[in-house]
Amino acid sequence: MALTPITPTRAQVRWDRKRARPAAVRVAGRELTVTAVDAVRDETAAYLAERGPRVTFLVESSGGQATLVYDPRGRRWFVEALDLAA
C-alpha cells in the first residue's frame, strides 16, 4: 500500500524504553499499535535553522504504515502520512 501525505496532525505517542522506539500512537481518536520501525531519519545534526531538528519514523502499525515526526523544540509528535487503505 502507499503512504498518503496528510496535513500534519498532532498525535500522542507511547514510547517503549526497552526497544527505544514508539510503541503506540493515538491520532484522531484511533489507537495504533506499532509493530515495527522500517526507517528512522535523524536530522538533529544537520537541519535548517528556521525549521529545527526533527526525527522522522516510518512505522508499521496495526492500521498500516505511518510517518511519525518528533519535534524536540516543541516536544510534540505529528503524523504526516498514513496508509489510508488500511
PDB file of N, CA and C in Angstrom:
ATOM      1  N   MET A   1       0.831  -1.177   0.000  1.00  0.00           N
ATOM      2  CA  MET A   1       0.000   0.000   0.000  1.00  0.00           C
ATOM      3  C   MET A   1       0.880   1.246   0.000  1.00  0.00           C
ATOM      4  N   ALA A   2       0.285   2.368  -0.317  1.00  0.00           N
ATOM      5  CA  ALA A   2       1.049   3.609  -0.437  1.00  0.00           C
ATOM      6  C   ALA A   2       0.708   4.562   0.698  1.00  0.00           C
ATOM      7  N   LEU A   3       1.722   5.274   1.129  1.00  0.00           N
ATOM      8  CA  LEU A   3       1.508   6.306   2.138  1.00  0.00           C
ATOM      9  C   LEU A   3       0.949   7.546   1.455  1.00  0.00           C
ATOM     10  N   THR A   4      -0.039   8.161   2.076  1.00  0.00           N
ATOM     11  CA  THR A   4      -0.649   9.376   1.554  1.00  0.00           C
ATOM     12  C   THR A   4      -0.321  10.526   2.484  1.00  0.00           C
ATOM     13  N   PRO A   5       0.352  11.575   1.967  1.00  0.00           N
ATOM     14  CA  PRO A   5       0.641  12.734   2.823  1.00  0.00           C
ATOM     15  C   PRO A   5      -0.666  13.373   3.295  1.00  0.00           C
ATOM     16  N   ILE A   6      -0.697  13.760   4.561  1.00  0.00           N
ATOM     17  CA  ILE A   6      -1.851  14.434   5.131  1.00  0.00           C
ATOM     18  C   ILE A   6      -1.377  15.715   5.798  1.00  0.00           C
ATOM     19  N   THR A   7      -2.297  16.563   6.168  1.00  0.00           N
ATOM     20  CA  THR A   7      -1.948  17.732   6.963  1.00  0.00           C
ATOM     21  C   THR A   7      -1.370  17.221   8.278  1.00  0.00           C
ATOM     22  N   PRO A   8      -0.175  17.690   8.675  1.00  0.00           N
ATOM     23  CA  PRO A   8       0.402  17.190   9.933  1.00  0.00           C
ATOM     24  C   PRO A   8      -0.607  17.306  11.077  1.00  0.00           C
ATOM     25  N   THR A   9      -0.861  16.175  11.716  1.00  0.00           N
ATOM     26  CA  THR A   9      -1.853  16.075  12.773  1.00  0.00           C
ATOM     27  C   THR A   9      -1.170  15.706  14.076  1.00  0.00           C
ATOM     28  N   ARG A  10      -1.493  16.447  15.115  1.00  0.00           N
ATOM     29  CA  ARG A  10      -0.920  16.178  16.433  1.00  0.00           C
ATOM     30  C   ARG A  10      -1.265  14.771  16.889  1.00  0.00           C
ATOM     31  N   ALA A  11      -0.312  14.099  17.508  1.00  0.00           N
ATOM     32  CA  ALA A  11      -0.514  12.723  17.958  1.00  0.00           C
ATOM     33  C   ALA A  11       0.074  12.538  19.349  1.00  0.00           C
ATOM     34  N   GLN A  12      -0.439  11.555  20.055  1.00  0.00           N
ATOM     35  CA  GLN A  12       0.132  11.137  21.328  1.00  0.00           C
ATOM     36  C   GLN A  12       0.844   9.820  21.078  1.00  0.00           C
ATOM     37  N   VAL A  13       2.113   9.767  21.469  1.00  0.00           N
ATOM     38  CA  VAL A  13       2.918   8.577  21.230  1.00  0.00           C
ATOM     39  C   VAL A  13       3.373   8.004  22.556  1.00  0.00           C
ATOM     40  N   ARG A  14       3.170   6.694  22.710  1.00  0.00           N
ATOM     41  CA  ARG A  14       3.692   5.983  23.880  1.00  0.00           C
ATOM     42  C   ARG A  14       5.020   5.371  23.451  1.00  0.00           C
ATOM     43  N   TRP A  15       6.072   5.656  24.218  1.00  0.00           N
ATOM     44  CA  TRP A  15       7.428   5.251  23.877  1.00  0.00           C
ATOM     45  C   TRP A  15       7.805   3.973  24.622  1.00  0.00           C
ATOM     46  N   ASP A  16       8.429   3.030  23.925  1.00  0.00           N
ATOM     47  CA  ASP A  16       8.923   1.796  24.516  1.00  0.00           C
ATOM     48  C   ASP A  16      10.403   2.002  24.854  1.00  0.00           C
ATOM     49  N   ARG A  17      10.710   2.160  26.132  1.00  0.00           N
ATOM     50  CA  ARG A  17      12.085   2.448  26.555  1.00  0.00           C
ATOM     51  C   ARG A  17      13.036   1.290  26.299  1.00  0.00           C
ATOM     52  N   LYS A  18      12.553   0.077  26.445  1.00  0.00           N
ATOM     53  CA  LYS A  18      13.419  -1.091  26.242  1.00  0.00           C
ATOM     54  C   LYS A  18      13.883  -1.206  24.795  1.00  0.00           C
ATOM     55  N   ARG A  19      12.986  -0.930  23.867  1.00  0.00           N
ATOM     56  CA  ARG A  19      13.315  -1.053  22.445  1.00  0.00           C
ATOM     57  C   ARG A  19      13.748   0.275  21.822  1.00  0.00           C
ATOM     58  N   ALA A  20      13.603   1.361  22.551  1.00  0.00           N
ATOM     59  CA  ALA A  20      13.952   2.715  22.068  1.00  0.00           C
ATOM     60  C   ALA A  20      13.227   3.042  20.764  1.00  0.00           C
ATOM     61  N   ARG A  21      11.901   2.869  20.804  1.00  0.00           N
ATOM     62  CA  ARG A  21      11.078   3.157  19.633  1.00  0.00           C
ATOM     63  C   ARG A  21       9.638   3.418  20.072  1.00  0.00           C
ATOM     64  N   PRO A  22       8.830   4.005  19.196  1.00  0.00           N
ATOM     65  CA  PRO A  22       7.418   4.193  19.529  1.00  0.00           C
ATOM     66  C   PRO A  22       6.714   2.846  19.699  1.00  0.00           C
ATOM     67  N   ALA A  23       5.813   2.764  20.664  1.00  0.00           N
ATOM     68  CA  ALA A  23       5.063   1.537  20.913  1.00  0.00           C
ATOM     69  C   ALA A  23       3.612   1.657  20.454  1.00  0.00           C
ATOM     70  N   ALA A  24       3.036   2.850  20.587  1.00  0.00           N
ATOM     71  CA  ALA A  24       1.642   3.061  20.189  1.00  0.00           C
ATOM     72  C   ALA A  24       1.437   4.526  19.834  1.00  0.00           C
ATOM     73  N   VAL A  25       0.466   4.765  18.963  1.00  0.00           N
ATOM     74  CA  VAL A  25       0.160   6.121  18.503  1.00  0.00           C
ATOM     75  C   VAL A  25      -1.341   6.332  18.615  1.00  0.00           C
ATOM     76  N   ARG A  26      -1.733   7.446  19.193  1.00  0.00           N
ATOM     77  CA  ARG A  26      -3.148   7.827  19.248  1.00  0.00           C
ATOM     78  C   ARG A  26      -3.294   9.092  18.410  1.00  0.00           C
ATOM     79  N   VAL A  27      -4.079   8.982  17.347  1.00  0.00           N
ATOM     80  CA  VAL A  27      -4.293  10.118  16.447  1.00  0.00           C
ATOM     81  C   VAL A  27      -5.737  10.097  15.966  1.00  0.00           C
ATOM     82  N   ALA A  28      -6.373  11.234  16.027  1.00  0.00           N
ATOM     83  CA  ALA A  28      -7.750  11.410  15.556  1.00  0.00           C
ATOM     84  C   ALA A  28      -8.692  10.339  16.116  1.00  0.00           C
ATOM     85  N   GLY A  29      -8.539  10.041  17.401  1.00  0.00           N
ATOM     86  CA  GLY A  29      -9.420   9.083  18.046  1.00  0.00           C
ATOM     87  C   GLY A  29      -9.093   7.626  17.780  1.00  0.00           C
ATOM     88  N   ARG A  30      -8.048   7.346  17.012  1.00  0.00           N
ATOM     89  CA  ARG A  30      -7.639   5.964  16.722  1.00  0.00           C
ATOM     90  C   ARG A  30      -6.384   5.614  17.504  1.00  0.00           C
ATOM     91  N   GLU A  31      -6.335   4.395  17.986  1.00  0.00           N
ATOM     92  CA  GLU A  31      -5.150   3.884  18.691  1.00  0.00           C
ATOM     93  C   GLU A  31      -4.483   2.875  17.768  1.00  0.00           C
ATOM     94  N   LEU A  32      -3.241   3.137  17.391  1.00  0.00           N
ATOM     95  CA  LEU A  32      -2.478   2.250  16.521  1.00  0.00           C
ATOM     96  C   LEU A  32      -1.326   1.653  17.313  1.00  0.00           C
ATOM     97  N   THR A  33      -1.178   0.348  17.263  1.00  0.00           N
ATOM     98  CA  THR A  33      -0.060  -0.331  17.904  1.00  0.00           C
ATOM     99  C   THR A  33       1.076  -0.447  16.899  1.00  0.00           C
ATOM    100  N   VAL A  34       2.253   0.045  17.255  1.00  0.00           N
ATOM    101  CA  VAL A  34       3.409  -0.008  16.363  1.00  0.00           C
ATOM    102  C   VAL A  34       3.990  -1.422  16.432  1.00  0.00           C
ATOM    103  N   THR A  35       4.075  -2.071  15.266  1.00  0.00           N
ATOM    104  CA  THR A  35       4.605  -3.433  15.205  1.00  0.00           C
ATOM    105  C   THR A  35       6.057  -3.475  14.743  1.00  0.00           C
ATOM    106  N   ALA A  36       6.503  -2.457  13.992  1.00  0.00           N
ATOM    107  CA  ALA A  36       7.885  -2.417  13.513  1.00  0.00           C
ATOM    108  C   ALA A  36       8.248  -0.997  13.101  1.00  0.00           C
ATOM    109  N   VAL A  37       9.529  -0.707  13.162  1.00  0.00           N
ATOM    110  CA  VAL A  37      10.054   0.569  12.657  1.00  0.00           C
ATOM    111  C   VAL A  37      10.838   0.236  11.395  1.00  0.00           C
ATOM    112  N   ASP A  38      10.394   0.773  10.250  1.00  0.00           N
ATOM    113  CA  ASP A  38      11.042   0.474   8.972  1.00  0.00           C
ATOM    114  C   ASP A  38      12.247   1.373   8.710  1.00  0.00           C
ATOM    115  N   ALA A  39      12.164   2.640   9.139  1.00  0.00           N
ATOM    116  CA  ALA A  39      13.262   3.579   8.885  1.00  0.00           C
ATOM    117  C   ALA A  39      13.207   4.716   9.892  1.00  0.00           C
ATOM    118  N   VAL A  40      14.378   5.297  10.146  1.00  0.00           N
ATOM    119  CA  VAL A  40      14.483   6.460  11.033  1.00  0.00           C
ATOM    120  C   VAL A  40      15.362   7.491  10.340  1.00  0.00           C
ATOM    121  N   ARG A  41      14.895   8.714  10.287  1.00  0.00           N
ATOM    122  CA  ARG A  41      15.692   9.814   9.741  1.00  0.00           C
ATOM    123  C   ARG A  41      15.903  10.825  10.857  1.00  0.00           C
ATOM    124  N   ASP A  42      17.148  10.950  11.286  1.00  0.00           N
ATOM    125  CA  ASP A  42      17.501  11.840  12.390  1.00  0.00           C
ATOM    126  C   ASP A  42      18.168  13.090  11.833  1.00  0.00           C
ATOM    127  N   GLU A  43      17.518  14.234  11.984  1.00  0.00           N
ATOM    128  CA  GLU A  43      18.030  15.493  11.463  1.00  0.00           C
ATOM    129  C   GLU A  43      18.626  16.376  12.554  1.00  0.00           C
ATOM    130  N   THR A  44      18.943  15.810  13.705  1.00  0.00           N
ATOM    131  CA  THR A  44      19.428  16.646  14.803  1.00  0.00           C
ATOM    132  C   THR A  44      20.822  17.202  14.553  1.00  0.00           C
ATOM    133  N   ALA A  45      21.604  16.587  13.672  1.00  0.00           N
ATOM    134  CA  ALA A  45      22.961  17.079  13.390  1.00  0.00           C
ATOM    135  C   ALA A  45      22.984  18.082  12.238  1.00  0.00           C
ATOM    136  N   ALA A  46      22.034  18.021  11.340  1.00  0.00           N
ATOM    137  CA  ALA A  46      22.002  18.922  10.189  1.00  0.00           C
ATOM    138  C   ALA A  46      20.552  19.286   9.886  1.00  0.00           C
ATOM    139  N   TYR A  47      20.242  20.559   9.972  1.00  0.00           N
ATOM    140  CA  TYR A  47      18.873  20.990   9.735  1.00  0.00           C
ATOM    141  C   TYR A  47      18.843  22.470   9.382  1.00  0.00           C
ATOM    142  N   LEU A  48      17.760  22.920   8.825  1.00  0.00           N
ATOM    143  CA  LEU A  48      17.556  24.335   8.552  1.00  0.00           C
ATOM    144  C   LEU A  48      17.269  25.053   9.864  1.00  0.00           C
ATOM    145  N   ALA A  49      17.889  26.197  10.067  1.00  0.00           N
ATOM    146  CA  ALA A  49      17.773  26.910  11.342  1.00  0.00           C
ATOM    147  C   ALA A  49      16.329  27.269  11.684  1.00  0.00           C
ATOM    148  N   GLU A  50      15.536  27.670  10.680  1.00  0.00           N
ATOM    149  CA  GLU A  50      14.154  28.074  10.979  1.00  0.00           C
ATOM    150  C   GLU A  50      13.236  26.888  11.230  1.00  0.00           C
ATOM    151  N   ARG A  51      13.617  25.697  10.773  1.00  0.00           N
ATOM    152  CA  ARG A  51      12.768  24.530  10.969  1.00  0.00           C
ATOM    153  C   ARG A  51      13.123  23.751  12.228  1.00  0.00           C
ATOM    154  N   GLY A  52      14.371  23.719  12.552  1.00  0.00           N
ATOM    155  CA  GLY A  52      14.794  22.986  13.746  1.00  0.00           C
ATOM    156  C   GLY A  52      14.967  21.507  13.468  1.00  0.00           C
ATOM    157  N   PRO A  53      15.657  20.813  14.347  1.00  0.00           N
ATOM    158  CA  PRO A  53      15.878  19.381  14.130  1.00  0.00           C
ATOM    159  C   PRO A  53      14.597  18.583  14.335  1.00  0.00           C
ATOM    160  N   ARG A  54      14.469  17.508  13.569  1.00  0.00           N
ATOM    161  CA  ARG A  54      13.334  16.603  13.712  1.00  0.00           C
ATOM    162  C   ARG A  54      13.828  15.176  13.599  1.00  0.00           C
ATOM    163  N   VAL A  55      13.046  14.273  14.109  1.00  0.00           N
ATOM    164  CA  VAL A  55      13.316  12.858  13.921  1.00  0.00           C
ATOM    165  C   VAL A  55      12.051  12.269  13.295  1.00  0.00           C
ATOM    166  N   THR A  56      12.221  11.581  12.166  1.00  0.00           N
ATOM    167  CA  THR A  56      11.102  11.012  11.435  1.00  0.00           C
ATOM    168  C   THR A  56      11.179   9.491  11.482  1.00  0.00           C
ATOM    169  N   PHE A  57      10.068   8.855  11.824  1.00  0.00           N
ATOM    170  CA  PHE A  57       9.980   7.399  11.897  1.00  0.00           C
ATOM    171  C   PHE A  57       8.980   6.913  10.860  1.00  0.00           C
ATOM    172  N   LEU A  58       9.375   5.955  10.047  1.00  0.00           N
ATOM    173  CA  LEU A  58       8.445   5.246   9.179  1.00  0.00           C
ATOM    174  C   LEU A  58       8.113   3.953   9.911  1.00  0.00           C
ATOM    175  N   VAL A  59       6.860   3.807  10.322  1.00  0.00           N
ATOM    176  CA  VAL A  59       6.485   2.670  11.167  1.00  0.00           C
ATOM    177  C   VAL A  59       5.400   1.817  10.512  1.00  0.00           C
ATOM    178  N   GLU A  60       5.423   0.542  10.864  1.00  0.00           N
ATOM    179  CA  GLU A  60       4.333  -0.384  10.542  1.00  0.00           C
ATOM    180  C   GLU A  60       3.461  -0.437  11.785  1.00  0.00           C
ATOM    181  N   SER A  61       2.162  -0.368  11.592  1.00  0.00           N
ATOM    182  CA  SER A  61       1.263  -0.392  12.745  1.00  0.00           C
ATOM    183  C   SER A  61       0.085  -1.306  12.457  1.00  0.00           C
ATOM    184  N   SER A  62      -0.747  -1.453  13.451  1.00  0.00           N
ATOM    185  CA  SER A  62      -1.943  -2.283  13.304  1.00  0.00           C
ATOM    186  C   SER A  62      -2.893  -1.711  12.257  1.00  0.00           C
ATOM    187  N   GLY A  63      -2.734  -0.440  11.910  1.00  0.00           N
ATOM    188  CA  GLY A  63      -3.581   0.193  10.905  1.00  0.00           C
ATOM    189  C   GLY A  63      -2.862   0.475   9.609  1.00  0.00           C
ATOM    190  N   GLY A  64      -1.702  -0.137   9.374  1.00  0.00           N
ATOM    191  CA  GLY A  64      -0.921   0.109   8.161  1.00  0.00           C
ATOM    192  C   GLY A  64       0.301   0.958   8.463  1.00  0.00           C
ATOM    193  N   GLN A  65       0.959   1.439   7.418  1.00  0.00           N
ATOM    194  CA  GLN A  65       2.146   2.267   7.605  1.00  0.00           C
ATOM    195  C   GLN A  65       1.767   3.691   7.985  1.00  0.00           C
ATOM    196  N   ALA A  66       2.701   4.363   8.675  1.00  0.00           N
ATOM    197  CA  ALA A  66       2.511   5.765   9.042  1.00  0.00           C
ATOM    198  C   ALA A  66       3.872   6.428   9.166  1.00  0.00           C
ATOM    199  N   THR A  67       3.903   7.738   8.951  1.00  0.00           N
ATOM    200  CA  THR A  67       5.107   8.521   9.162  1.00  0.00           C
ATOM    201  C   THR A  67       4.889   9.386  10.391  1.00  0.00           C
ATOM    202  N   LEU A  68       5.719   9.152  11.433  1.00  0.00           N
ATOM    203  CA  LEU A  68       5.665   9.920  12.674  1.00  0.00           C
ATOM    204  C   LEU A  68       6.837  10.881  12.704  1.00  0.00           C
ATOM    205  N   VAL A  69       6.575  12.094  13.143  1.00  0.00           N
ATOM    206  CA  VAL A  69       7.631  13.102  13.247  1.00  0.00           C
ATOM    207  C   VAL A  69       7.642  13.641  14.671  1.00  0.00           C
ATOM    208  N   TYR A  70       8.847  13.668  15.258  1.00  0.00           N
ATOM    209  CA  TYR A  70       9.008  14.245  16.587  1.00  0.00           C
ATOM    210  C   TYR A  70       9.713  15.584  16.447  1.00  0.00           C
ATOM    211  N   ASP A  71       9.105  16.640  16.998  1.00  0.00           N
ATOM    212  CA  ASP A  71       9.672  17.985  17.004  1.00  0.00           C
ATOM    213  C   ASP A  71      10.175  18.266  18.417  1.00  0.00           C
ATOM    214  N   PRO A  72      11.502  18.166  18.655  1.00  0.00           N
ATOM    215  CA  PRO A  72      12.008  18.335  20.020  1.00  0.00           C
ATOM    216  C   PRO A  72      11.895  19.768  20.548  1.00  0.00           C
ATOM    217  N   ARG A  73      11.836  20.750  19.646  1.00  0.00           N
ATOM    218  CA  ARG A  73      11.702  22.138  20.124  1.00  0.00           C
ATOM    219  C   ARG A  73      10.383  22.335  20.859  1.00  0.00           C
ATOM    220  N   GLY A  74       9.312  21.763  20.333  1.00  0.00           N
ATOM    221  CA  GLY A  74       8.003  21.873  20.968  1.00  0.00           C
ATOM    222  C   GLY A  74       7.616  20.647  21.759  1.00  0.00           C
ATOM    223  N   ARG A  75       8.486  19.620  21.740  1.00  0.00           N
ATOM    224  CA  ARG A  75       8.204  18.342  22.401  1.00  0.00           C
ATOM    225  C   ARG A  75       6.852  17.786  21.973  1.00  0.00           C
ATOM    226  N   ARG A  76       6.648  17.748  20.654  1.00  0.00           N
ATOM    227  CA  ARG A  76       5.377  17.290  20.100  1.00  0.00           C
ATOM    228  C   ARG A  76       5.605  16.226  19.037  1.00  0.00           C
ATOM    229  N   TRP A  77       4.626  15.351  18.892  1.00  0.00           N
ATOM    230  CA  TRP A  77       4.603  14.336  17.858  1.00  0.00           C
ATOM    231  C   TRP A  77       3.536  14.693  16.842  1.00  0.00           C
ATOM    232  N   PHE A  78       3.817  14.388  15.573  1.00  0.00           N
ATOM    233  CA  PHE A  78       2.867  14.604  14.493  1.00  0.00           C
ATOM    234  C   PHE A  78       2.831  13.382  13.601  1.00  0.00           C
ATOM    235  N   VAL A  79       1.679  13.140  12.974  1.00  0.00           N
ATOM    236  CA  VAL A  79       1.561  12.145  11.909  1.00  0.00           C
ATOM    237  C   VAL A  79       1.493  12.945  10.632  1.00  0.00           C
ATOM    238  N   GLU A  80       2.403  12.650   9.675  1.00  0.00           N
ATOM    239  CA  GLU A  80       2.458  13.393   8.411  1.00  0.00           C
ATOM    240  C   GLU A  80       1.980  12.583   7.224  1.00  0.00           C
ATOM    241  N   ALA A  81       1.916  11.251   7.356  1.00  0.00           N
ATOM    242  CA  ALA A  81       1.433  10.418   6.251  1.00  0.00           C
ATOM    243  C   ALA A  81       0.839   9.137   6.828  1.00  0.00           C
ATOM    244  N   LEU A  82      -0.193   8.648   6.156  1.00  0.00           N
ATOM    245  CA  LEU A  82      -0.877   7.417   6.589  1.00  0.00           C
ATOM    246  C   LEU A  82      -1.175   6.544   5.392  1.00  0.00           C
ATOM    247  N   ASP A  83      -1.287   5.265   5.635  1.00  0.00           N
ATOM    248  CA  ASP A  83      -1.781   4.329   4.632  1.00  0.00           C
ATOM    249  C   ASP A  83      -3.301   4.359   4.763  1.00  0.00           C
ATOM    250  N   LEU A  84      -3.961   5.099   3.889  1.00  0.00           N
ATOM    251  CA  LEU A  84      -5.410   5.304   4.019  1.00  0.00           C
ATOM    252  C   LEU A  84      -6.219   4.067   3.661  1.00  0.00           C
ATOM    253  N   ALA A  85      -5.624   3.121   2.980  1.00  0.00           N
ATOM    254  CA  ALA A  85      -6.347   1.898   2.599  1.00  0.00           C
ATOM    255  C   ALA A  85      -6.530   0.966   3.787  1.00  0.00           C
ATOM    256  N   ALA A  86      -5.708   1.112   4.802  1.00  0.00           N
ATOM    257  CA  ALA A  86      -5.766   0.193   5.956  1.00  0.00           C
ATOM    258  C   ALA A  86      -6.884   0.548   6.898  1.00  0.00           C
TER     259      ALA A  86
END
